Amino acid sequence: MAKIVMYCTEVCPYCVRAEHLLQRKGIKDIEKIRIDLQPELREVMIAKTGRRTVPQIFINGEHVGGFDDMAALDRAGKLDAMLAHNP
């Protein structure tokens, strides 16, 4: 299975939706970087992604964007192949 890293906060509804989408795809292990608990990591996230909002999702080290971006990949039929790849 793919390695998933997600910058998130506890109360973000899009973070919850992203996690549920990944779980429906069979992903059980998501490395969550909680920027609400470690605010200094927000700057790291911004430097890596150029974005300030959460979630910011990485699949096998590739930044795929936020929930809307990942959902668009799913609708386009591209997400399953990304998740099936094991680095």
Protein backbone atom coordinates (compact mmCIF):
# COMPACT_ATOMS: atom_id res chain seq x y z
CA MET A 1 0.00 0.00 0.00
CA ALA A 2 0.96 3.60 -0.53
CA LYS A 3 2.53 5.78 2.14
CA ILE A 4 0.13 8.58 3.04
CA VAL A 5 1.13 11.75 4.90
CA MET A 6 -1.56 14.29 5.68
CA TYR A 7 -1.11 17.70 7.26
CA CYS A 8 -4.33 18.28 9.20
CA THR A 9 -6.12 19.63 12.24
CA GLU A 10 -8.59 17.87 14.50
CA VAL A 11 -11.61 20.04 13.68
CA CYS A 12 -11.17 20.40 9.92
CA PRO A 13 -14.15 18.80 8.11
CA TYR A 14 -12.15 18.40 4.89
CA CYS A 15 -9.46 16.52 6.82
CA VAL A 16 -12.13 14.13 8.11
CA ARG A 17 -13.55 13.69 4.60
CA ALA A 18 -10.07 13.00 3.19
CA GLU A 19 -9.43 10.39 5.86
CA HIS A 20 -12.79 8.71 5.17
CA LEU A 21 -12.12 8.62 1.43
CA LEU A 22 -8.74 7.00 2.02
CA GLN A 23 -10.27 4.49 4.45
CA ARG A 24 -12.92 3.56 1.87
CA LYS A 25 -10.03 2.89 -0.52
CA GLY A 26 -8.54 0.45 2.00
CA ILE A 27 -5.88 2.73 3.48
CA LYS A 28 -5.55 2.02 7.18
CA ASP A 29 -2.30 3.79 7.99
CA ILE A 30 -2.24 7.57 7.52
CA GLU A 31 0.60 9.56 9.00
CA LYS A 32 -1.12 12.66 10.35
CA ILE A 33 0.88 15.79 11.01
CA ARG A 34 -1.33 17.83 13.30
CA ILE A 35 -0.51 21.48 12.77
CA ASP A 36 -3.00 22.46 15.46
CA LEU A 37 -0.84 20.61 18.01
CA GLN A 38 2.49 21.62 16.44
CA PRO A 39 1.91 25.07 14.90
CA GLU A 40 5.57 25.37 13.85
CA LEU A 41 4.89 22.60 11.30
CA ARG A 42 2.44 24.87 9.45
CA GLU A 43 5.45 26.75 8.06
CA VAL A 44 6.99 23.43 6.94
CA MET A 45 3.71 22.54 5.21
CA ILE A 46 3.55 25.93 3.47
CA ALA A 47 7.16 25.61 2.32
CA LYS A 48 6.48 22.14 0.89
CA THR A 49 3.13 22.87 -0.75
CA GLY A 50 2.79 26.62 -1.25
CA ARG A 51 -0.62 26.31 0.41
CA ARG A 52 -1.89 27.47 3.80
CA THR A 53 -5.01 25.32 4.16
CA VAL A 54 -5.48 21.78 5.44
CA PRO A 55 -5.56 19.03 4.59
CA GLN A 56 -2.45 18.80 2.45
CA ILE A 57 -2.00 15.22 1.32
CA PHE A 58 1.07 13.39 0.07
CA ILE A 59 0.90 9.95 -1.54
CA ASN A 60 4.28 8.22 -1.74
CA GLY A 61 5.95 11.60 -1.30
CA GLU A 62 3.98 13.26 -4.12
CA HIS A 63 1.85 16.23 -3.11
CA VAL A 64 -1.67 15.68 -4.42
CA GLY A 65 -3.22 18.74 -2.77
CA GLY A 66 -6.22 18.94 -0.49
CA PHE A 67 -9.41 16.94 -0.21
CA ASP A 68 -11.00 18.46 -3.33
CA ASP A 69 -7.88 17.66 -5.36
CA MET A 70 -7.79 14.07 -4.11
CA ALA A 71 -11.52 13.62 -4.76
CA ALA A 72 -10.99 14.92 -8.32
CA LEU A 73 -8.24 12.32 -8.80
CA ASP A 74 -10.69 9.67 -7.60
CA ARG A 75 -13.40 10.84 -10.01
CA ALA A 76 -10.86 10.80 -12.85
CA GLY A 77 -9.97 7.19 -12.01
CA LYS A 78 -6.37 8.04 -11.06
CA LEU A 79 -6.42 7.69 -7.27
CA ASP A 80 -6.61 3.89 -7.10
CA ALA A 81 -3.41 3.49 -9.14
CA MET A 82 -1.59 5.97 -6.90
CA LEU A 83 -2.74 4.16 -3.78
CA ALA A 84 -1.83 0.73 -5.17
CA HIS A 85 1.78 1.76 -5.77
CA ASN A 86 4.10 0.69 -2.98
CA PRO A 87 7.27 2.81 -2.89
